[in-house]
Amino acid sequence: MGISPKINELLDYLSKFYGISIDELTQKYTMSQLEDAYNEIEHMTKYQKHLDGKKEFPAEYVIKEFSPL
């Protein structure tokens, strides 16, 4: 049984976001934690962009301010 495309996309995004391998992510965190982190990052980033008039933010800022992991 393979990984669904949605889960694979989530893992790929978080791997790039945190700068660690997918294997490290899945060993350190449960899928539920990873899904929650992804949803929180997406929600907070969208909300902050709304507040700041659709500005773009560097990944370092987003990680420092919004990362739940």
PDB file of N, CA and C in Angstrom:
ATOM      1  N   MET A   1       0.839  -1.185   0.000  1.00  0.00           N
ATOM      2  CA  MET A   1       0.000   0.000   0.000  1.00  0.00           C
ATOM      3  C   MET A   1       0.876   1.238   0.000  1.00  0.00           C
ATOM      4  N   GLY A   2       0.684   2.118  -0.982  1.00  0.00           N
ATOM      5  CA  GLY A   2       1.501   3.314  -1.108  1.00  0.00           C
ATOM      6  C   GLY A   2       0.903   4.497  -0.368  1.00  0.00           C
ATOM      7  N   ILE A   3       1.663   5.558  -0.364  1.00  0.00           N
ATOM      8  CA  ILE A   3       1.228   6.807   0.265  1.00  0.00           C
ATOM      9  C   ILE A   3       0.337   7.557  -0.712  1.00  0.00           C
ATOM     10  N   SER A   4      -0.765   8.104  -0.198  1.00  0.00           N
ATOM     11  CA  SER A   4      -1.667   8.864  -1.059  1.00  0.00           C
ATOM     12  C   SER A   4      -0.964  10.120  -1.565  1.00  0.00           C
ATOM     13  N   PRO A   5      -1.377  10.621  -2.723  1.00  0.00           N
ATOM     14  CA  PRO A   5      -0.755  11.841  -3.265  1.00  0.00           C
ATOM     15  C   PRO A   5      -0.857  13.030  -2.307  1.00  0.00           C
ATOM     16  N   LYS A   6      -1.973  13.153  -1.574  1.00  0.00           N
ATOM     17  CA  LYS A   6      -2.138  14.260  -0.632  1.00  0.00           C
ATOM     18  C   LYS A   6      -1.118  14.171   0.499  1.00  0.00           C
ATOM     19  N   ILE A   7      -0.948  12.970   1.056  1.00  0.00           N
ATOM     20  CA  ILE A   7       0.016  12.775   2.146  1.00  0.00           C
ATOM     21  C   ILE A   7       1.436  13.002   1.635  1.00  0.00           C
ATOM     22  N   ASN A   8       1.728  12.512   0.460  1.00  0.00           N
ATOM     23  CA  ASN A   8       3.043  12.700  -0.122  1.00  0.00           C
ATOM     24  C   ASN A   8       3.340  14.187  -0.320  1.00  0.00           C
ATOM     25  N   GLU A   9       2.346  14.944  -0.785  1.00  0.00           N
ATOM     26  CA  GLU A   9       2.503  16.391  -0.978  1.00  0.00           C
ATOM     27  C   GLU A   9       2.753  17.081   0.368  1.00  0.00           C
ATOM     28  N   LEU A  10       1.999  16.694   1.379  1.00  0.00           N
ATOM     29  CA  LEU A  10       2.157  17.265   2.720  1.00  0.00           C
ATOM     30  C   LEU A  10       3.568  16.994   3.249  1.00  0.00           C
ATOM     31  N   LEU A  11       4.011  15.749   3.137  1.00  0.00           N
ATOM     32  CA  LEU A  11       5.346  15.390   3.619  1.00  0.00           C
ATOM     33  C   LEU A  11       6.438  16.129   2.852  1.00  0.00           C
ATOM     34  N   ASP A  12       6.279  16.248   1.557  1.00  0.00           N
ATOM     35  CA  ASP A  12       7.250  16.967   0.740  1.00  0.00           C
ATOM     36  C   ASP A  12       7.311  18.437   1.149  1.00  0.00           C
ATOM     37  N   TYR A  13       6.144  19.060   1.338  1.00  0.00           N
ATOM     38  CA  TYR A  13       6.082  20.466   1.747  1.00  0.00           C
ATOM     39  C   TYR A  13       6.781  20.670   3.091  1.00  0.00           C
ATOM     40  N   LEU A  14       6.436  19.846   4.089  1.00  0.00           N
ATOM     41  CA  LEU A  14       7.025  20.010   5.415  1.00  0.00           C
ATOM     42  C   LEU A  14       8.516  19.698   5.415  1.00  0.00           C
ATOM     43  N   SER A  15       8.928  18.744   4.618  1.00  0.00           N
ATOM     44  CA  SER A  15      10.343  18.424   4.507  1.00  0.00           C
ATOM     45  C   SER A  15      11.127  19.629   3.991  1.00  0.00           C
ATOM     46  N   LYS A  16      10.609  20.267   2.971  1.00  0.00           N
ATOM     47  CA  LYS A  16      11.262  21.465   2.432  1.00  0.00           C
ATOM     48  C   LYS A  16      11.168  22.622   3.418  1.00  0.00           C
ATOM     49  N   PHE A  17      10.009  22.780   4.058  1.00  0.00           N
ATOM     50  CA  PHE A  17       9.782  23.870   5.006  1.00  0.00           C
ATOM     51  C   PHE A  17      10.769  23.815   6.164  1.00  0.00           C
ATOM     52  N   TYR A  18      10.956  22.612   6.741  1.00  0.00           N
ATOM     53  CA  TYR A  18      11.844  22.461   7.887  1.00  0.00           C
ATOM     54  C   TYR A  18      13.284  22.130   7.511  1.00  0.00           C
ATOM     55  N   GLY A  19      13.520  21.803   6.250  1.00  0.00           N
ATOM     56  CA  GLY A  19      14.874  21.500   5.802  1.00  0.00           C
ATOM     57  C   GLY A  19      15.398  20.170   6.310  1.00  0.00           C
ATOM     58  N   ILE A  20      14.492  19.216   6.526  1.00  0.00           N
ATOM     59  CA  ILE A  20      14.906  17.876   6.945  1.00  0.00           C
ATOM     60  C   ILE A  20      14.224  16.847   6.043  1.00  0.00           C
ATOM     61  N   SER A  21      14.745  15.638   6.075  1.00  0.00           N
ATOM     62  CA  SER A  21      14.211  14.599   5.194  1.00  0.00           C
ATOM     63  C   SER A  21      12.824  14.135   5.643  1.00  0.00           C
ATOM     64  N   ILE A  22      12.105  13.549   4.715  1.00  0.00           N
ATOM     65  CA  ILE A  22      10.792  12.981   5.025  1.00  0.00           C
ATOM     66  C   ILE A  22      10.931  11.871   6.061  1.00  0.00           C
ATOM     67  N   ASP A  23      11.981  11.075   5.957  1.00  0.00           N
ATOM     68  CA  ASP A  23      12.220  10.008   6.935  1.00  0.00           C
ATOM     69  C   ASP A  23      12.365  10.569   8.350  1.00  0.00           C
ATOM     70  N   GLU A  24      13.126  11.682   8.479  1.00  0.00           N
ATOM     71  CA  GLU A  24      13.288  12.302   9.791  1.00  0.00           C
ATOM     72  C   GLU A  24      11.948  12.809  10.335  1.00  0.00           C
ATOM     73  N   LEU A  25      11.159  13.418   9.463  1.00  0.00           N
ATOM     74  CA  LEU A  25       9.844  13.915   9.881  1.00  0.00           C
ATOM     75  C   LEU A  25       8.969  12.787  10.411  1.00  0.00           C
ATOM     76  N   THR A  26       8.902  11.703   9.649  1.00  0.00           N
ATOM     77  CA  THR A  26       7.999  10.610  10.016  1.00  0.00           C
ATOM     78  C   THR A  26       8.510   9.816  11.218  1.00  0.00           C
ATOM     79  N   GLN A  27       9.810   9.862  11.481  1.00  0.00           N
ATOM     80  CA  GLN A  27      10.338   9.197  12.672  1.00  0.00           C
ATOM     81  C   GLN A  27      10.110  10.029  13.927  1.00  0.00           C
ATOM     82  N   LYS A  28      10.160  11.344  13.771  1.00  0.00           N
ATOM     83  CA  LYS A  28      10.066  12.245  14.919  1.00  0.00           C
ATOM     84  C   LYS A  28       8.624  12.599  15.283  1.00  0.00           C
ATOM     85  N   TYR A  29       7.726  12.668  14.280  1.00  0.00           N
ATOM     86  CA  TYR A  29       6.356  13.124  14.499  1.00  0.00           C
ATOM     87  C   TYR A  29       5.348  12.128  13.933  1.00  0.00           C
ATOM     88  N   THR A  30       4.170  12.102  14.527  1.00  0.00           N
ATOM     89  CA  THR A  30       3.082  11.272  14.000  1.00  0.00           C
ATOM     90  C   THR A  30       2.463  11.983  12.794  1.00  0.00           C
ATOM     91  N   MET A  31       1.719  11.246  11.994  1.00  0.00           N
ATOM     92  CA  MET A  31       1.043  11.869  10.845  1.00  0.00           C
ATOM     93  C   MET A  31       0.038  12.913  11.318  1.00  0.00           C
ATOM     94  N   SER A  32      -0.595  12.660  12.422  1.00  0.00           N
ATOM     95  CA  SER A  32      -1.548  13.622  12.971  1.00  0.00           C
ATOM     96  C   SER A  32      -0.848  14.934  13.339  1.00  0.00           C
ATOM     97  N   GLN A  33       0.312  14.840  13.955  1.00  0.00           N
ATOM     98  CA  GLN A  33       1.078  16.041  14.294  1.00  0.00           C
ATOM     99  C   GLN A  33       1.514  16.788  13.035  1.00  0.00           C
ATOM    100  N   LEU A  34       1.943  16.039  12.025  1.00  0.00           N
ATOM    101  CA  LEU A  34       2.391  16.671  10.782  1.00  0.00           C
ATOM    102  C   LEU A  34       1.235  17.352  10.061  1.00  0.00           C
ATOM    103  N   GLU A  35       0.086  16.701  10.033  1.00  0.00           N
ATOM    104  CA  GLU A  35      -1.091  17.313   9.403  1.00  0.00           C
ATOM    105  C   GLU A  35      -1.512  18.572  10.151  1.00  0.00           C
ATOM    106  N   ASP A  36      -1.486  18.520  11.470  1.00  0.00           N
ATOM    107  CA  ASP A  36      -1.830  19.696  12.274  1.00  0.00           C
ATOM    108  C   ASP A  36      -0.842  20.838  12.029  1.00  0.00           C
ATOM    109  N   ALA A  37       0.440  20.503  11.970  1.00  0.00           N
ATOM    110  CA  ALA A  37       1.461  21.525  11.721  1.00  0.00           C
ATOM    111  C   ALA A  37       1.251  22.175  10.355  1.00  0.00           C
ATOM    112  N   TYR A  38       1.016  21.358   9.337  1.00  0.00           N
ATOM    113  CA  TYR A  38       0.783  21.871   7.988  1.00  0.00           C
ATOM    114  C   TYR A  38      -0.429  22.804   7.978  1.00  0.00           C
ATOM    115  N   ASN A  39      -1.520  22.366   8.577  1.00  0.00           N
ATOM    116  CA  ASN A  39      -2.738  23.175   8.599  1.00  0.00           C
ATOM    117  C   ASN A  39      -2.530  24.481   9.356  1.00  0.00           C
ATOM    118  N   GLU A  40      -1.821  24.430  10.455  1.00  0.00           N
ATOM    119  CA  GLU A  40      -1.573  25.638  11.237  1.00  0.00           C
ATOM    120  C   GLU A  40      -0.670  26.613  10.488  1.00  0.00           C
ATOM    121  N   ILE A  41       0.367  26.103   9.854  1.00  0.00           N
ATOM    122  CA  ILE A  41       1.262  26.953   9.070  1.00  0.00           C
ATOM    123  C   ILE A  41       0.493  27.636   7.944  1.00  0.00           C
ATOM    124  N   GLU A  42      -0.299  26.856   7.218  1.00  0.00           N
ATOM    125  CA  GLU A  42      -1.087  27.411   6.121  1.00  0.00           C
ATOM    126  C   GLU A  42      -2.084  28.462   6.615  1.00  0.00           C
ATOM    127  N   HIS A  43      -2.778  28.159   7.694  1.00  0.00           N
ATOM    128  CA  HIS A  43      -3.776  29.079   8.236  1.00  0.00           C
ATOM    129  C   HIS A  43      -3.126  30.385   8.704  1.00  0.00           C
ATOM    130  N   MET A  44      -2.076  30.270   9.495  1.00  0.00           N
ATOM    131  CA  MET A  44      -1.429  31.465  10.038  1.00  0.00           C
ATOM    132  C   MET A  44      -0.763  32.298   8.946  1.00  0.00           C
ATOM    133  N   THR A  45      -0.195  31.657   7.944  1.00  0.00           N
ATOM    134  CA  THR A  45       0.422  32.387   6.847  1.00  0.00           C
ATOM    135  C   THR A  45      -0.637  33.162   6.066  1.00  0.00           C
ATOM    136  N   LYS A  46      -1.747  32.527   5.767  1.00  0.00           N
ATOM    137  CA  LYS A  46      -2.828  33.204   5.044  1.00  0.00           C
ATOM    138  C   LYS A  46      -3.381  34.354   5.870  1.00  0.00           C
ATOM    139  N   TYR A  47      -3.562  34.147   7.153  1.00  0.00           N
ATOM    140  CA  TYR A  47      -4.089  35.191   8.022  1.00  0.00           C
ATOM    141  C   TYR A  47      -3.126  36.374   8.096  1.00  0.00           C
ATOM    142  N   GLN A  48      -1.836  36.087   8.257  1.00  0.00           N
ATOM    143  CA  GLN A  48      -0.839  37.156   8.334  1.00  0.00           C
ATOM    144  C   GLN A  48      -0.766  37.932   7.021  1.00  0.00           C
ATOM    145  N   LYS A  49      -0.846  37.247   5.887  1.00  0.00           N
ATOM    146  CA  LYS A  49      -0.859  37.928   4.590  1.00  0.00           C
ATOM    147  C   LYS A  49      -2.074  38.835   4.484  1.00  0.00           C
ATOM    148  N   HIS A  50      -3.210  38.367   4.967  1.00  0.00           N
ATOM    149  CA  HIS A  50      -4.423  39.186   4.959  1.00  0.00           C
ATOM    150  C   HIS A  50      -4.209  40.452   5.792  1.00  0.00           C
ATOM    151  N   LEU A  51      -3.630  40.296   6.965  1.00  0.00           N
ATOM    152  CA  LEU A  51      -3.393  41.441   7.841  1.00  0.00           C
ATOM    153  C   LEU A  51      -2.393  42.428   7.246  1.00  0.00           C
ATOM    154  N   ASP A  52      -1.420  41.920   6.544  1.00  0.00           N
ATOM    155  CA  ASP A  52      -0.361  42.763   6.002  1.00  0.00           C
ATOM    156  C   ASP A  52      -0.543  43.103   4.533  1.00  0.00           C
ATOM    157  N   GLY A  53      -1.745  42.992   4.038  1.00  0.00           N
ATOM    158  CA  GLY A  53      -2.017  43.396   2.666  1.00  0.00           C
ATOM    159  C   GLY A  53      -1.384  42.533   1.607  1.00  0.00           C
ATOM    160  N   LYS A  54      -1.385  41.220   1.832  1.00  0.00           N
ATOM    161  CA  LYS A  54      -0.915  40.241   0.839  1.00  0.00           C
ATOM    162  C   LYS A  54       0.592  40.287   0.604  1.00  0.00           C
ATOM    163  N   LYS A  55       1.375  40.702   1.593  1.00  0.00           N
ATOM    164  CA  LYS A  55       2.830  40.691   1.467  1.00  0.00           C
ATOM    165  C   LYS A  55       3.343  39.258   1.472  1.00  0.00           C
ATOM    166  N   GLU A  56       4.479  39.039   0.875  1.00  0.00           N
ATOM    167  CA  GLU A  56       5.137  37.736   0.914  1.00  0.00           C
ATOM    168  C   GLU A  56       6.089  37.720   2.112  1.00  0.00           C
ATOM    169  N   PHE A  57       6.242  36.554   2.730  1.00  0.00           N
ATOM    170  CA  PHE A  57       7.104  36.428   3.892  1.00  0.00           C
ATOM    171  C   PHE A  57       8.183  35.387   3.639  1.00  0.00           C
ATOM    172  N   PRO A  58       9.419  35.663   4.089  1.00  0.00           N
ATOM    173  CA  PRO A  58      10.469  34.649   3.960  1.00  0.00           C
ATOM    174  C   PRO A  58      10.165  33.441   4.841  1.00  0.00           C
ATOM    175  N   ALA A  59      10.598  32.278   4.402  1.00  0.00           N
ATOM    176  CA  ALA A  59      10.337  31.039   5.132  1.00  0.00           C
ATOM    177  C   ALA A  59      10.871  31.097   6.559  1.00  0.00           C
ATOM    178  N   GLU A  60      12.011  31.776   6.768  1.00  0.00           N
ATOM    179  CA  GLU A  60      12.591  31.857   8.107  1.00  0.00           C
ATOM    180  C   GLU A  60      11.633  32.565   9.069  1.00  0.00           C
ATOM    181  N   TYR A  61      10.978  33.609   8.581  1.00  0.00           N
ATOM    182  CA  TYR A  61      10.008  34.334   9.410  1.00  0.00           C
ATOM    183  C   TYR A  61       8.827  33.436   9.755  1.00  0.00           C
ATOM    184  N   VAL A  62       8.314  32.743   8.763  1.00  0.00           N
ATOM    185  CA  VAL A  62       7.156  31.872   8.982  1.00  0.00           C
ATOM    186  C   VAL A  62       7.506  30.772   9.975  1.00  0.00           C
ATOM    187  N   ILE A  63       8.659  30.149   9.828  1.00  0.00           N
ATOM    188  CA  ILE A  63       9.082  29.086  10.742  1.00  0.00           C
ATOM    189  C   ILE A  63       9.189  29.639  12.164  1.00  0.00           C
ATOM    190  N   LYS A  64       9.849  30.775  12.323  1.00  0.00           N
ATOM    191  CA  LYS A  64      10.059  31.347  13.652  1.00  0.00           C
ATOM    192  C   LYS A  64       8.736  31.734  14.303  1.00  0.00           C
ATOM    193  N   GLU A  65       7.839  32.329  13.543  1.00  0.00           N
ATOM    194  CA  GLU A  65       6.609  32.863  14.106  1.00  0.00           C
ATOM    195  C   GLU A  65       5.491  31.842  14.266  1.00  0.00           C
ATOM    196  N   PHE A  66       5.382  30.903  13.336  1.00  0.00           N
ATOM    197  CA  PHE A  66       4.180  30.081  13.285  1.00  0.00           C
ATOM    198  C   PHE A  66       4.371  28.586  13.424  1.00  0.00           C
ATOM    199  N   SER A  67       5.582  28.116  13.430  1.00  0.00           N
ATOM    200  CA  SER A  67       5.792  26.670  13.442  1.00  0.00           C
ATOM    201  C   SER A  67       5.406  26.050  14.783  1.00  0.00           C
ATOM    202  N   PRO A  68       4.478  25.093  14.762  1.00  0.00           N
ATOM    203  CA  PRO A  68       4.093  24.433  15.996  1.00  0.00           C
ATOM    204  C   PRO A  68       5.018  23.274  16.388  1.00  0.00           C
ATOM    205  N   LEU A  69       5.930  22.898  15.500  1.00  0.00           N
ATOM    206  CA  LEU A  69       6.817  21.762  15.806  1.00  0.00           C
ATOM    207  C   LEU A  69       8.142  22.242  16.364  1.00  0.00           C
TER     208      LEU A  69
END
